[in-house]
Amino acid sequence: MPATTYAVSGMSCGHCKATLTEVIGELDGVRGVEVHLGHGRVTVTSAGEPDDAAITEAVDEAGYELTGRV
């Protein structure tokens, strides 16, 4: 399964990590989410090519900003 890493700003605590893990994890095709607070990165493991638009929307709606793939 492919893993894609995104740069996300605004994350600072365990609550941020839990929120993003939940909202991204609910998206179709997502098999795993790893949030790296110190690096401002989120790695998404998916069944196929990830839906960047859906991931961006989920992150934005949660109150964070996805700034692109790393």
Protein backbone atom coordinates (compact mmCIF):
# COMPACT_ATOMS: atom_id res chain seq x y z
CA MET A 1 0.00 0.00 0.00
CA PRO A 2 1.41 3.39 -0.93
CA ALA A 3 2.22 5.96 1.75
CA THR A 4 2.04 9.68 1.02
CA THR A 5 3.38 12.38 3.34
CA TYR A 6 1.82 15.82 3.59
CA ALA A 7 2.97 19.03 5.28
CA VAL A 8 0.36 20.27 7.75
CA SER A 9 0.61 23.45 9.80
CA GLY A 10 -1.15 24.28 13.05
CA MET A 11 -0.56 20.96 14.86
CA SER A 12 0.89 21.22 18.35
CA CYS A 13 -0.50 18.62 20.75
CA GLY A 14 -1.97 15.19 21.32
CA HIS A 15 -5.47 16.50 20.59
CA CYS A 16 -4.30 17.69 17.17
CA LYS A 17 -2.82 14.27 16.49
CA ALA A 18 -6.00 12.45 17.56
CA THR A 19 -8.25 14.78 15.55
CA LEU A 20 -6.29 14.43 12.33
CA THR A 21 -5.91 10.67 12.74
CA GLU A 22 -9.69 10.39 13.09
CA VAL A 23 -10.83 12.73 10.29
CA ILE A 24 -8.32 11.46 7.72
CA GLY A 25 -8.81 7.84 8.80
CA GLU A 26 -12.53 8.08 8.00
CA LEU A 27 -11.88 8.84 4.32
CA ASP A 28 -12.46 6.16 1.68
CA GLY A 29 -9.36 4.17 0.83
CA VAL A 30 -7.32 5.32 3.85
CA ARG A 31 -5.71 2.38 5.66
CA GLY A 32 -3.52 4.24 8.15
CA VAL A 33 -2.56 7.70 9.40
CA GLU A 34 0.64 8.70 11.20
CA VAL A 35 0.87 12.23 12.57
CA HIS A 36 4.38 13.60 13.25
CA LEU A 37 3.85 16.73 15.35
CA GLY A 38 7.51 17.74 15.60
CA HIS A 39 7.97 17.72 11.84
CA GLY A 40 4.54 19.06 10.87
CA ARG A 41 3.92 16.01 8.72
CA VAL A 42 1.07 13.55 8.26
CA THR A 43 1.71 10.25 6.49
CA VAL A 44 -1.32 8.58 4.95
CA THR A 45 -1.28 4.93 3.88
CA SER A 46 -3.97 4.18 1.32
CA ALA A 47 -5.31 1.31 -0.76
CA GLY A 48 -4.49 3.20 -3.97
CA GLU A 49 -3.60 6.72 -5.02
CA PRO A 50 -4.75 9.05 -2.22
CA ASP A 51 -7.44 11.63 -2.90
CA ASP A 52 -5.46 14.81 -2.20
CA ALA A 53 -8.55 17.01 -2.47
CA ALA A 54 -10.50 14.96 0.09
CA ILE A 55 -7.54 14.85 2.48
CA THR A 56 -6.98 18.61 2.12
CA GLU A 57 -10.67 19.29 2.79
CA ALA A 58 -10.72 17.04 5.89
CA VAL A 59 -7.59 18.71 7.29
CA ASP A 60 -8.91 22.22 6.58
CA GLU A 61 -12.32 21.46 8.12
CA ALA A 62 -10.54 20.20 11.25
CA GLY A 63 -8.87 23.61 11.58
CA TYR A 64 -5.41 22.89 10.19
CA GLU A 65 -3.73 23.73 6.91
CA LEU A 66 -2.39 21.14 4.51
CA THR A 67 0.28 22.90 2.46
CA GLY A 68 1.15 20.08 0.06
CA ARG A 69 2.94 16.78 -0.40
CA VAL A 70 6.42 16.40 1.01
